[in-house]
PDB file of all heavy atoms in Angstrom:
ATOM      1  N   ILE A   1     106.190  91.228  87.074  1.00  0.00           N
ATOM      2  CA  ILE A   1     107.375  91.707  87.770  1.00  0.00           C
ATOM      3  C   ILE A   1     107.622  90.810  88.985  1.00  0.00           C
ATOM      4  O   ILE A   1     106.729  90.586  89.797  1.00  0.00           O
ATOM      5  CB  ILE A   1     107.227  93.177  88.217  1.00  0.00           C
ATOM      6  CG1 ILE A   1     107.079  94.094  86.992  1.00  0.00           C
ATOM      7  CG2 ILE A   1     108.425  93.607  89.055  1.00  0.00           C
ATOM      8  CD1 ILE A   1     106.895  95.556  87.333  1.00  0.00           C
ATOM      9  N   PHE A   2     108.840  90.282  89.055  1.00  0.00           N
ATOM     10  CA  PHE A   2     109.256  89.455  90.187  1.00  0.00           C
ATOM     11  C   PHE A   2     110.338  90.211  90.957  1.00  0.00           C
ATOM     12  O   PHE A   2     111.208  90.845  90.358  1.00  0.00           O
ATOM     13  CB  PHE A   2     109.840  88.130  89.710  1.00  0.00           C
ATOM     14  CG  PHE A   2     108.859  87.238  88.994  1.00  0.00           C
ATOM     15  CD1 PHE A   2     108.600  87.419  87.638  1.00  0.00           C
ATOM     16  CD2 PHE A   2     108.208  86.215  89.658  1.00  0.00           C
ATOM     17  CE1 PHE A   2     107.711  86.597  86.964  1.00  0.00           C
ATOM     18  CE2 PHE A   2     107.313  85.392  88.995  1.00  0.00           C
ATOM     19  CZ  PHE A   2     107.059  85.587  87.645  1.00  0.00           C
ATOM     20  N   ILE A   3     110.292  90.130  92.272  1.00  0.00           N
ATOM     21  CA  ILE A   3     111.337  90.704  93.113  1.00  0.00           C
ATOM     22  C   ILE A   3     111.996  89.577  93.890  1.00  0.00           C
ATOM     23  O   ILE A   3     111.326  88.814  94.577  1.00  0.00           O
ATOM     24  CB  ILE A   3     110.775  91.770  94.071  1.00  0.00           C
ATOM     25  CG1 ILE A   3     110.169  92.938  93.267  1.00  0.00           C
ATOM     26  CG2 ILE A   3     111.872  92.293  94.998  1.00  0.00           C
ATOM     27  CD1 ILE A   3     109.549  94.027  94.123  1.00  0.00           C
ATOM     28  N   VAL A   4     113.321  89.473  93.745  1.00  0.00           N
ATOM     29  CA  VAL A   4     114.087  88.432  94.425  1.00  0.00           C
ATOM     30  C   VAL A   4     114.585  88.977  95.761  1.00  0.00           C
ATOM     31  O   VAL A   4     115.342  89.954  95.797  1.00  0.00           O
ATOM     32  CB  VAL A   4     115.279  87.976  93.569  1.00  0.00           C
ATOM     33  CG1 VAL A   4     116.082  86.890  94.289  1.00  0.00           C
ATOM     34  CG2 VAL A   4     114.800  87.459  92.205  1.00  0.00           C
ATOM     35  N   ILE A   5     114.144  88.373  96.860  1.00  0.00           N
ATOM     36  CA  ILE A   5     114.539  88.852  98.187  1.00  0.00           C
ATOM     37  C   ILE A   5     115.060  87.685  99.028  1.00  0.00           C
ATOM     38  O   ILE A   5     114.750  86.515  98.758  1.00  0.00           O
ATOM     39  CB  ILE A   5     113.369  89.538  98.936  1.00  0.00           C
ATOM     40  CG1 ILE A   5     112.191  88.564  99.120  1.00  0.00           C
ATOM     41  CG2 ILE A   5     112.908  90.784  98.213  1.00  0.00           C
ATOM     42  CD1 ILE A   5     111.081  89.120  99.982  1.00  0.00           C
ATOM     43  N   LEU A   6     115.836  88.021 100.047  1.00  0.00           N
ATOM     44  CA  LEU A   6     116.315  87.013 100.978  1.00  0.00           C
ATOM     45  C   LEU A   6     115.176  86.595 101.910  1.00  0.00           C
ATOM     46  O   LEU A   6     114.338  87.412 102.294  1.00  0.00           O
ATOM     47  CB  LEU A   6     117.471  87.557 101.811  1.00  0.00           C
ATOM     48  CG  LEU A   6     118.747  87.941 101.066  1.00  0.00           C
ATOM     49  CD1 LEU A   6     119.792  88.445 102.049  1.00  0.00           C
ATOM     50  CD2 LEU A   6     119.302  86.770 100.264  1.00  0.00           C
ATOM     51  N   LYS A   7     115.151  85.338 102.273  1.00  0.00           N
ATOM     52  CA  LYS A   7     114.075  84.819 103.129  1.00  0.00           C
ATOM     53  C   LYS A   7     114.007  85.543 104.469  1.00  0.00           C
ATOM     54  O   LYS A   7     112.930  85.690 105.048  1.00  0.00           O
ATOM     55  CB  LYS A   7     114.262  83.316 103.340  1.00  0.00           C
ATOM     56  CG  LYS A   7     113.919  82.495 102.103  1.00  0.00           C
ATOM     57  CD  LYS A   7     113.946  81.015 102.388  1.00  0.00           C
ATOM     58  CE  LYS A   7     113.513  80.236 101.139  1.00  0.00           C
ATOM     59  NZ  LYS A   7     113.522  78.775 101.360  1.00  0.00           N
ATOM     60  N   LYS A   8     115.145  86.006 104.966  1.00  0.00           N
ATOM     61  CA  LYS A   8     115.134  86.696 106.263  1.00  0.00           C
ATOM     62  C   LYS A   8     114.440  88.057 106.191  1.00  0.00           C
ATOM     63  O   LYS A   8     114.071  88.621 107.216  1.00  0.00           O
ATOM     64  CB  LYS A   8     116.558  86.871 106.780  1.00  0.00           C
ATOM     65  CG  LYS A   8     117.434  87.799 105.960  1.00  0.00           C
ATOM     66  CD  LYS A   8     118.819  87.906 106.575  1.00  0.00           C
ATOM     67  CE  LYS A   8     119.711  88.874 105.801  1.00  0.00           C
ATOM     68  NZ  LYS A   8     121.054  88.987 106.414  1.00  0.00           N
ATOM     69  N   ASN A   9     114.239  88.571 104.967  1.00  0.00           N
ATOM     70  CA  ASN A   9     113.558  89.856 104.785  1.00  0.00           C
ATOM     71  C   ASN A   9     112.121  89.686 104.296  1.00  0.00           C
ATOM     72  O   ASN A   9     111.499  90.644 103.841  1.00  0.00           O
ATOM     73  CB  ASN A   9     114.326  90.725 103.789  1.00  0.00           C
ATOM     74  CG  ASN A   9     115.696  91.108 104.301  1.00  0.00           C
ATOM     75  OD1 ASN A   9     115.832  91.466 105.468  1.00  0.00           O
ATOM     76  ND2 ASN A   9     116.698  91.030 103.451  1.00  0.00           N
ATOM     77  N   ILE A  10     111.616  88.470 104.409  1.00  0.00           N
ATOM     78  CA  ILE A  10     110.310  88.156 103.825  1.00  0.00           C
ATOM     79  C   ILE A  10     109.182  88.992 104.405  1.00  0.00           C
ATOM     80  O   ILE A  10     108.201  89.316 103.717  1.00  0.00           O
ATOM     81  CB  ILE A  10     110.006  86.645 103.970  1.00  0.00           C
ATOM     82  CG1 ILE A  10     108.869  86.239 103.040  1.00  0.00           C
ATOM     83  CG2 ILE A  10     109.699  86.283 105.401  1.00  0.00           C
ATOM     84  CD1 ILE A  10     109.213  86.362 101.595  1.00  0.00           C
ATOM     85  N   LYS A  11     109.283  89.401 105.668  1.00  0.00           N
ATOM     86  CA  LYS A  11     108.205  90.184 106.291  1.00  0.00           C
ATOM     87  C   LYS A  11     108.035  91.551 105.627  1.00  0.00           C
ATOM     88  O   LYS A  11     106.945  92.114 105.640  1.00  0.00           O
ATOM     89  CB  LYS A  11     108.481  90.353 107.782  1.00  0.00           C
ATOM     90  CG  LYS A  11     108.342  89.059 108.582  1.00  0.00           C
ATOM     91  CD  LYS A  11     108.592  89.302 110.062  1.00  0.00           C
ATOM     92  CE  LYS A  11     108.442  88.013 110.850  1.00  0.00           C
ATOM     93  NZ  LYS A  11     108.698  88.229 112.292  1.00  0.00           N
ATOM     94  N   LYS A  12     109.104  92.056 105.047  1.00  0.00           N
ATOM     95  CA  LYS A  12     109.049  93.379 104.423  1.00  0.00           C
ATOM     96  C   LYS A  12     108.106  93.418 103.223  1.00  0.00           C
ATOM     97  O   LYS A  12     107.576  94.473 102.879  1.00  0.00           O
ATOM     98  CB  LYS A  12     110.448  93.817 103.983  1.00  0.00           C
ATOM     99  CG  LYS A  12     111.402  94.090 105.127  1.00  0.00           C
ATOM    100  CD  LYS A  12     112.737  94.589 104.583  1.00  0.00           C
ATOM    101  CE  LYS A  12     113.721  94.871 105.703  1.00  0.00           C
ATOM    102  NZ  LYS A  12     115.013  95.366 105.179  1.00  0.00           N
ATOM    103  N   LYS A  13     107.899  92.279 102.583  1.00  0.00           N
ATOM    104  CA  LYS A  13     107.083  92.270 101.364  1.00  0.00           C
ATOM    105  C   LYS A  13     105.624  92.627 101.654  1.00  0.00           C
ATOM    106  O   LYS A  13     104.904  93.068 100.762  1.00  0.00           O
ATOM    107  CB  LYS A  13     107.167  90.917 100.665  1.00  0.00           C
ATOM    108  CG  LYS A  13     106.342  89.804 101.264  1.00  0.00           C
ATOM    109  CD  LYS A  13     106.437  88.556 100.399  1.00  0.00           C
ATOM    110  CE  LYS A  13     105.491  87.469 100.874  1.00  0.00           C
ATOM    111  NZ  LYS A  13     105.551  86.260 100.041  1.00  0.00           N
ATOM    112  N   PHE A  14     105.200  92.455 102.898  1.00  0.00           N
ATOM    113  CA  PHE A  14     103.805  92.748 103.233  1.00  0.00           C
ATOM    114  C   PHE A  14     103.531  94.253 103.270  1.00  0.00           C
ATOM    115  O   PHE A  14     102.385  94.682 103.332  1.00  0.00           O
ATOM    116  CB  PHE A  14     103.442  92.092 104.561  1.00  0.00           C
ATOM    117  CG  PHE A  14     103.512  90.600 104.527  1.00  0.00           C
ATOM    118  CD1 PHE A  14     104.524  89.927 105.194  1.00  0.00           C
ATOM    119  CD2 PHE A  14     102.593  89.867 103.796  1.00  0.00           C
ATOM    120  CE1 PHE A  14     104.606  88.541 105.154  1.00  0.00           C
ATOM    121  CE2 PHE A  14     102.662  88.484 103.741  1.00  0.00           C
ATOM    122  CZ  PHE A  14     103.679  87.818 104.419  1.00  0.00           C
ATOM    123  N   ASN A  15     104.598  95.043 103.232  1.00  0.00           N
ATOM    124  CA  ASN A  15     104.432  96.499 103.159  1.00  0.00           C
ATOM    125  C   ASN A  15     104.227  96.974 101.725  1.00  0.00           C
ATOM    126  O   ASN A  15     103.948  98.139 101.487  1.00  0.00           O
ATOM    127  CB  ASN A  15     105.667  97.204 103.740  1.00  0.00           C
ATOM    128  CG  ASN A  15     105.845  96.901 105.213  1.00  0.00           C
ATOM    129  OD1 ASN A  15     104.867  96.769 105.938  1.00  0.00           O
ATOM    130  ND2 ASN A  15     107.083  96.788 105.658  1.00  0.00           N
ATOM    131  N   PHE A  16     104.350  96.027 100.802  1.00  0.00           N
ATOM    132  CA  PHE A  16     104.229  96.379  99.388  1.00  0.00           C
ATOM    133  C   PHE A  16     102.798  96.112  98.941  1.00  0.00           C
ATOM    134  O   PHE A  16     102.329  94.979  98.970  1.00  0.00           O
ATOM    135  CB  PHE A  16     105.213  95.530  98.565  1.00  0.00           C
ATOM    136  CG  PHE A  16     105.599  96.158  97.260  1.00  0.00           C
ATOM    137  CD1 PHE A  16     106.505  97.195  97.223  1.00  0.00           C
ATOM    138  CD2 PHE A  16     105.051  95.707  96.066  1.00  0.00           C
ATOM    139  CE1 PHE A  16     106.880  97.772  96.020  1.00  0.00           C
ATOM    140  CE2 PHE A  16     105.408  96.279  94.869  1.00  0.00           C
ATOM    141  CZ  PHE A  16     106.324  97.314  94.846  1.00  0.00           C
ATOM    142  N   LYS A  17     102.103  97.133  98.510  1.00  0.00           N
ATOM    143  CA  LYS A  17     100.665  97.028  98.236  1.00  0.00           C
ATOM    144  C   LYS A  17     100.332  96.620  96.802  1.00  0.00           C
ATOM    145  O   LYS A  17      99.193  96.339  96.488  1.00  0.00           O
ATOM    146  CB  LYS A  17      99.985  98.373  98.539  1.00  0.00           C
ATOM    147  CG  LYS A  17     100.207  98.881  99.968  1.00  0.00           C
ATOM    148  CD  LYS A  17      99.672  97.906 101.001  1.00  0.00           C
ATOM    149  CE  LYS A  17      99.878  98.437 102.415  1.00  0.00           C
ATOM    150  NZ  LYS A  17      99.432  97.472 103.431  1.00  0.00           N
ATOM    151  N   ASN A  18     101.324  96.618  95.895  1.00  0.00           N
ATOM    152  CA  ASN A  18     101.071  96.304  94.491  1.00  0.00           C
ATOM    153  C   ASN A  18     100.795  94.805  94.335  1.00  0.00           C
ATOM    154  O   ASN A  18     101.679  93.974  94.520  1.00  0.00           O
ATOM    155  CB  ASN A  18     102.280  96.723  93.639  1.00  0.00           C
ATOM    156  CG  ASN A  18     101.939  96.763  92.150  1.00  0.00           C
ATOM    157  OD1 ASN A  18     101.217  95.900  91.653  1.00  0.00           O
ATOM    158  ND2 ASN A  18     102.463  97.749  91.459  1.00  0.00           N
ATOM    159  N   LYS A  19      99.578  94.464  93.990  1.00  0.00           N
ATOM    160  CA  LYS A  19      99.175  93.065  93.909  1.00  0.00           C
ATOM    161  C   LYS A  19      99.742  92.343  92.683  1.00  0.00           C
ATOM    162  O   LYS A  19      99.692  91.118  92.610  1.00  0.00           O
ATOM    163  CB  LYS A  19      97.640  92.970  93.898  1.00  0.00           C
ATOM    164  CG  LYS A  19      96.990  93.437  95.186  1.00  0.00           C
ATOM    165  CD  LYS A  19      95.480  93.295  95.113  1.00  0.00           C
ATOM    166  CE  LYS A  19      94.827  93.774  96.413  1.00  0.00           C
ATOM    167  NZ  LYS A  19      93.352  93.681  96.348  1.00  0.00           N
ATOM    168  N   ASN A  20     100.237  93.094  91.690  1.00  0.00           N
ATOM    169  CA  ASN A  20     100.756  92.473  90.472  1.00  0.00           C
ATOM    170  C   ASN A  20     102.198  91.986  90.636  1.00  0.00           C
ATOM    171  O   ASN A  20     102.761  91.394  89.722  1.00  0.00           O
ATOM    172  CB  ASN A  20     100.693  93.467  89.308  1.00  0.00           C
ATOM    173  CG  ASN A  20      99.258  93.801  88.926  1.00  0.00           C
ATOM    174  OD1 ASN A  20      98.394  92.933  88.953  1.00  0.00           O
ATOM    175  ND2 ASN A  20      98.996  95.039  88.576  1.00  0.00           N
ATOM    176  N   ILE A  21     102.796  92.242  91.786  1.00  0.00           N
ATOM    177  CA  ILE A  21     104.177  91.863  92.023  1.00  0.00           C
ATOM    178  C   ILE A  21     104.242  90.484  92.672  1.00  0.00           C
ATOM    179  O   ILE A  21     103.502  90.182  93.603  1.00  0.00           O
ATOM    180  CB  ILE A  21     104.883  92.892  92.934  1.00  0.00           C
ATOM    181  CG1 ILE A  21     104.719  94.309  92.374  1.00  0.00           C
ATOM    182  CG2 ILE A  21     106.357  92.540  93.093  1.00  0.00           C
ATOM    183  CD1 ILE A  21     105.234  94.490  90.982  1.00  0.00           C
ATOM    184  N   LYS A  22     105.157  89.633  92.163  1.00  0.00           N
ATOM    185  CA  LYS A  22     105.400  88.332  92.773  1.00  0.00           C
ATOM    186  C   LYS A  22     106.807  88.317  93.363  1.00  0.00           C
ATOM    187  O   LYS A  22     107.675  89.062  92.923  1.00  0.00           O
ATOM    188  CB  LYS A  22     105.252  87.216  91.738  1.00  0.00           C
ATOM    189  CG  LYS A  22     103.821  87.067  91.211  1.00  0.00           C
ATOM    190  CD  LYS A  22     103.698  85.884  90.279  1.00  0.00           C
ATOM    191  CE  LYS A  22     102.254  85.726  89.802  1.00  0.00           C
ATOM    192  NZ  LYS A  22     102.104  84.551  88.894  1.00  0.00           N
ATOM    193  N   PHE A  23     107.011  87.458  94.352  1.00  0.00           N
ATOM    194  CA  PHE A  23     108.295  87.420  95.039  1.00  0.00           C
ATOM    195  C   PHE A  23     108.958  86.055  94.862  1.00  0.00           C
ATOM    196  O   PHE A  23     108.298  85.019  94.880  1.00  0.00           O
ATOM    197  CB  PHE A  23     108.112  87.725  96.530  1.00  0.00           C
ATOM    198  CG  PHE A  23     107.739  89.153  96.792  1.00  0.00           C
ATOM    199  CD1 PHE A  23     106.402  89.553  96.781  1.00  0.00           C
ATOM    200  CD2 PHE A  23     108.716  90.101  97.042  1.00  0.00           C
ATOM    201  CE1 PHE A  23     106.051  90.873  97.009  1.00  0.00           C
ATOM    202  CE2 PHE A  23     108.372  91.424  97.276  1.00  0.00           C
ATOM    203  CZ  PHE A  23     107.046  91.812  97.262  1.00  0.00           C
ATOM    204  N   ILE A  24     110.272  86.099  94.686  1.00  0.00           N
ATOM    205  CA  ILE A  24     111.096  84.887  94.657  1.00  0.00           C
ATOM    206  C   ILE A  24     112.008  84.943  95.874  1.00  0.00           C
ATOM    207  O   ILE A  24     112.767  85.897  96.054  1.00  0.00           O
ATOM    208  CB  ILE A  24     111.933  84.804  93.359  1.00  0.00           C
ATOM    209  CG1 ILE A  24     111.015  84.716  92.129  1.00  0.00           C
ATOM    210  CG2 ILE A  24     112.873  83.604  93.406  1.00  0.00           C
ATOM    211  CD1 ILE A  24     111.753  84.736  90.802  1.00  0.00           C
ATOM    212  N   GLU A  25     111.930  83.926  96.709  1.00  0.00           N
ATOM    213  CA  GLU A  25     112.695  83.925  97.964  1.00  0.00           C
ATOM    214  C   GLU A  25     113.930  83.033  97.847  1.00  0.00           C
ATOM    215  O   GLU A  25     113.838  81.893  97.378  1.00  0.00           O
ATOM    216  CB  GLU A  25     111.810  83.426  99.102  1.00  0.00           C
ATOM    217  CG  GLU A  25     110.549  84.242  99.293  1.00  0.00           C
ATOM    218  CD  GLU A  25     109.544  83.554 100.208  1.00  0.00           C
ATOM    219  OE1 GLU A  25     109.982  82.718 101.025  1.00  0.00           O
ATOM    220  OE2 GLU A  25     108.341  83.835 100.093  1.00  0.00           O
ATOM    221  N   VAL A  26     115.072  83.569  98.268  1.00  0.00           N
ATOM    222  CA  VAL A  26     116.312  82.792  98.295  1.00  0.00           C
ATOM    223  C   VAL A  26     116.976  82.954  99.665  1.00  0.00           C
ATOM    224  O   VAL A  26     116.828  83.983 100.320  1.00  0.00           O
ATOM    225  CB  VAL A  26     117.284  83.240  97.178  1.00  0.00           C
ATOM    226  CG1 VAL A  26     116.730  82.926  95.800  1.00  0.00           C
ATOM    227  CG2 VAL A  26     117.608  84.730  97.292  1.00  0.00           C
ATOM    228  N   LYS A  27     117.711  81.936 100.094  1.00  0.00           N
ATOM    229  CA  LYS A  27     118.400  82.005 101.393  1.00  0.00           C
ATOM    230  C   LYS A  27     119.609  82.927 101.328  1.00  0.00           C
ATOM    231  O   LYS A  27     119.921  83.645 102.269  1.00  0.00           O
ATOM    232  CB  LYS A  27     118.840  80.609 101.815  1.00  0.00           C
ATOM    233  CG  LYS A  27     117.702  79.699 102.240  1.00  0.00           C
ATOM    234  CD  LYS A  27     118.250  78.359 102.724  1.00  0.00           C
ATOM    235  CE  LYS A  27     117.116  77.445 103.167  1.00  0.00           C
ATOM    236  NZ  LYS A  27     117.636  76.129 103.623  1.00  0.00           N
ATOM    237  N   SER A  28     120.309  82.881 100.180  1.00  0.00           N
ATOM    238  CA  SER A  28     121.510  83.682 100.006  1.00  0.00           C
ATOM    239  C   SER A  28     121.719  83.921  98.512  1.00  0.00           C
ATOM    240  O   SER A  28     121.113  83.242  97.682  1.00  0.00           O
ATOM    241  CB  SER A  28     122.718  82.949 100.603  1.00  0.00           C
ATOM    242  OG  SER A  28     123.902  83.689 100.395  1.00  0.00           O
ATOM    243  N   LEU A  29     122.560  84.896  98.196  1.00  0.00           N
ATOM    244  CA  LEU A  29     122.863  85.160  96.791  1.00  0.00           C
ATOM    245  C   LEU A  29     124.299  85.690  96.689  1.00  0.00           C
ATOM    246  O   LEU A  29     124.540  86.834  96.324  1.00  0.00           O
ATOM    247  CB  LEU A  29     121.865  86.168  96.205  1.00  0.00           C
ATOM    248  CG  LEU A  29     121.731  86.186  94.673  1.00  0.00           C
ATOM    249  CD1 LEU A  29     121.384  84.792  94.146  1.00  0.00           C
ATOM    250  CD2 LEU A  29     120.664  87.168  94.234  1.00  0.00           C
ATOM    251  N   THR A  30     125.231  84.820  97.016  1.00  0.00           N
ATOM    252  CA  THR A  30     126.640  85.200  96.972  1.00  0.00           C
ATOM    253  C   THR A  30     127.482  84.212  96.165  1.00  0.00           C
ATOM    254  O   THR A  30     128.354  84.621  95.412  1.00  0.00           O
ATOM    255  CB  THR A  30     127.225  85.296  98.397  1.00  0.00           C
ATOM    256  OG1 THR A  30     126.964  84.063  99.088  1.00  0.00           O
ATOM    257  CG2 THR A  30     126.594  86.448  99.165  1.00  0.00           C
ATOM    258  N   SER A  31     127.209  82.926  96.305  1.00  0.00           N
ATOM    259  CA  SER A  31     128.027  81.902  95.649  1.00  0.00           C
ATOM    260  C   SER A  31     127.435  81.483  94.302  1.00  0.00           C
ATOM    261  O   SER A  31     126.302  81.816  93.967  1.00  0.00           O
ATOM    262  CB  SER A  31     128.134  80.670  96.544  1.00  0.00           C
ATOM    263  OG  SER A  31     126.867  80.037  96.653  1.00  0.00           O
ATOM    264  N   LYS A  32     128.234  80.723  93.566  1.00  0.00           N
ATOM    265  CA  LYS A  32     127.779  80.214  92.274  1.00  0.00           C
ATOM    266  C   LYS A  32     126.577  79.296  92.440  1.00  0.00           C
ATOM    267  O   LYS A  32     125.639  79.333  91.632  1.00  0.00           O
ATOM    268  CB  LYS A  32     128.916  79.472  91.569  1.00  0.00           C
ATOM    269  CG  LYS A  32     128.561  79.008  90.162  1.00  0.00           C
ATOM    270  CD  LYS A  32     129.756  78.431  89.432  1.00  0.00           C
ATOM    271  CE  LYS A  32     129.362  78.040  88.008  1.00  0.00           C
ATOM    272  NZ  LYS A  32     130.530  77.536  87.237  1.00  0.00           N
ATOM    273  N   SER A  33     126.574  78.490  93.476  1.00  0.00           N
ATOM    274  CA  SER A  33     125.440  77.585  93.718  1.00  0.00           C
ATOM    275  C   SER A  33     124.167  78.369  94.029  1.00  0.00           C
ATOM    276  O   SER A  33     123.060  77.945  93.673  1.00  0.00           O
ATOM    277  CB  SER A  33     125.762  76.624  94.864  1.00  0.00           C
ATOM    278  OG  SER A  33     126.032  77.324  96.055  1.00  0.00           O
ATOM    279  N   ASP A  34     124.315  79.537  94.686  1.00  0.00           N
ATOM    280  CA  ASP A  34     123.153  80.394  94.958  1.00  0.00           C
ATOM    281  C   ASP A  34     122.527  80.868  93.652  1.00  0.00           C
ATOM    282  O   ASP A  34     121.298  80.861  93.495  1.00  0.00           O
ATOM    283  CB  ASP A  34     123.560  81.614  95.786  1.00  0.00           C
ATOM    284  CG  ASP A  34     123.968  81.259  97.207  1.00  0.00           C
ATOM    285  OD1 ASP A  34     123.529  80.195  97.699  1.00  0.00           O
ATOM    286  OD2 ASP A  34     124.714  82.038  97.815  1.00  0.00           O
ATOM    287  N   PHE A  35     123.378  81.286  92.723  1.00  0.00           N
ATOM    288  CA  PHE A  35     122.872  81.770  91.443  1.00  0.00           C
ATOM    289  C   PHE A  35     122.292  80.629  90.614  1.00  0.00           C
ATOM    290  O   PHE A  35     121.294  80.810  89.912  1.00  0.00           O
ATOM    291  CB  PHE A  35     123.978  82.490  90.665  1.00  0.00           C
ATOM    292  CG  PHE A  35     124.246  83.882  91.149  1.00  0.00           C
ATOM    293  CD1 PHE A  35     125.315  84.150  91.974  1.00  0.00           C
ATOM    294  CD2 PHE A  35     123.405  84.925  90.789  1.00  0.00           C
ATOM    295  CE1 PHE A  35     125.555  85.436  92.440  1.00  0.00           C
ATOM    296  CE2 PHE A  35     123.628  86.211  91.236  1.00  0.00           C
ATOM    297  CZ  PHE A  35     124.717  86.472  92.066  1.00  0.00           C
ATOM    298  N   ASN A  36     122.903  79.456  90.699  1.00  0.00           N
ATOM    299  CA  ASN A  36     122.345  78.293  90.008  1.00  0.00           C
ATOM    300  C   ASN A  36     120.926  78.018  90.497  1.00  0.00           C
ATOM    301  O   ASN A  36     120.022  77.714  89.713  1.00  0.00           O
ATOM    302  CB  ASN A  36     123.224  77.059  90.244  1.00  0.00           C
ATOM    303  CG  ASN A  36     124.358  76.956  89.249  1.00  0.00           C
ATOM    304  OD1 ASN A  36     124.206  77.301  88.087  1.00  0.00           O
ATOM    305  ND2 ASN A  36     125.502  76.476  89.700  1.00  0.00           N
ATOM    306  N   TYR A  37     120.748  78.116  91.805  1.00  0.00           N
ATOM    307  CA  TYR A  37     119.423  77.886  92.391  1.00  0.00           C
ATOM    308  C   TYR A  37     118.433  78.952  91.919  1.00  0.00           C
ATOM    309  O   TYR A  37     117.298  78.626  91.527  1.00  0.00           O
ATOM    310  CB  TYR A  37     119.521  77.897  93.913  1.00  0.00           C
ATOM    311  CG  TYR A  37     118.182  77.757  94.605  1.00  0.00           C
ATOM    312  CD1 TYR A  37     117.478  76.562  94.569  1.00  0.00           C
ATOM    313  CD2 TYR A  37     117.621  78.840  95.299  1.00  0.00           C
ATOM    314  CE1 TYR A  37     116.240  76.432  95.200  1.00  0.00           C
ATOM    315  CE2 TYR A  37     116.400  78.717  95.934  1.00  0.00           C
ATOM    316  CZ  TYR A  37     115.712  77.522  95.878  1.00  0.00           C
ATOM    317  OH  TYR A  37     114.490  77.393  96.497  1.00  0.00           O
ATOM    318  N   LEU A  38     118.858  80.221  91.927  1.00  0.00           N
ATOM    319  CA  LEU A  38     117.975  81.297  91.480  1.00  0.00           C
ATOM    320  C   LEU A  38     117.572  81.104  90.030  1.00  0.00           C
ATOM    321  O   LEU A  38     116.385  81.202  89.683  1.00  0.00           O
ATOM    322  CB  LEU A  38     118.672  82.652  91.643  1.00  0.00           C
ATOM    323  CG  LEU A  38     117.944  83.851  91.011  1.00  0.00           C
ATOM    324  CD1 LEU A  38     116.578  84.059  91.645  1.00  0.00           C
ATOM    325  CD2 LEU A  38     118.791  85.106  91.107  1.00  0.00           C
ATOM    326  N   PHE A  39     118.543  80.805  89.166  1.00  0.00           N
ATOM    327  CA  PHE A  39     118.239  80.641  87.746  1.00  0.00           C
ATOM    328  C   PHE A  39     117.357  79.425  87.493  1.00  0.00           C
ATOM    329  O   PHE A  39     116.545  79.419  86.560  1.00  0.00           O
ATOM    330  CB  PHE A  39     119.527  80.553  86.937  1.00  0.00           C
ATOM    331  CG  PHE A  39     120.287  81.865  86.866  1.00  0.00           C
ATOM    332  CD1 PHE A  39     121.661  81.886  86.695  1.00  0.00           C
ATOM    333  CD2 PHE A  39     119.624  83.072  86.972  1.00  0.00           C
ATOM    334  CE1 PHE A  39     122.354  83.089  86.627  1.00  0.00           C
ATOM    335  CE2 PHE A  39     120.299  84.282  86.912  1.00  0.00           C
ATOM    336  CZ  PHE A  39     121.670  84.285  86.735  1.00  0.00           C
TER     337      PHE A  39
END
């Protein structure tokens, strides 16, 4: 399981105790180029 979060919210992930979860960090997710980067 991957969770896609904004880099500015990266500190919040440390409150998540499930070790099987991985995180994907993105700066933004609004434009087409943002989605291209995510994909």
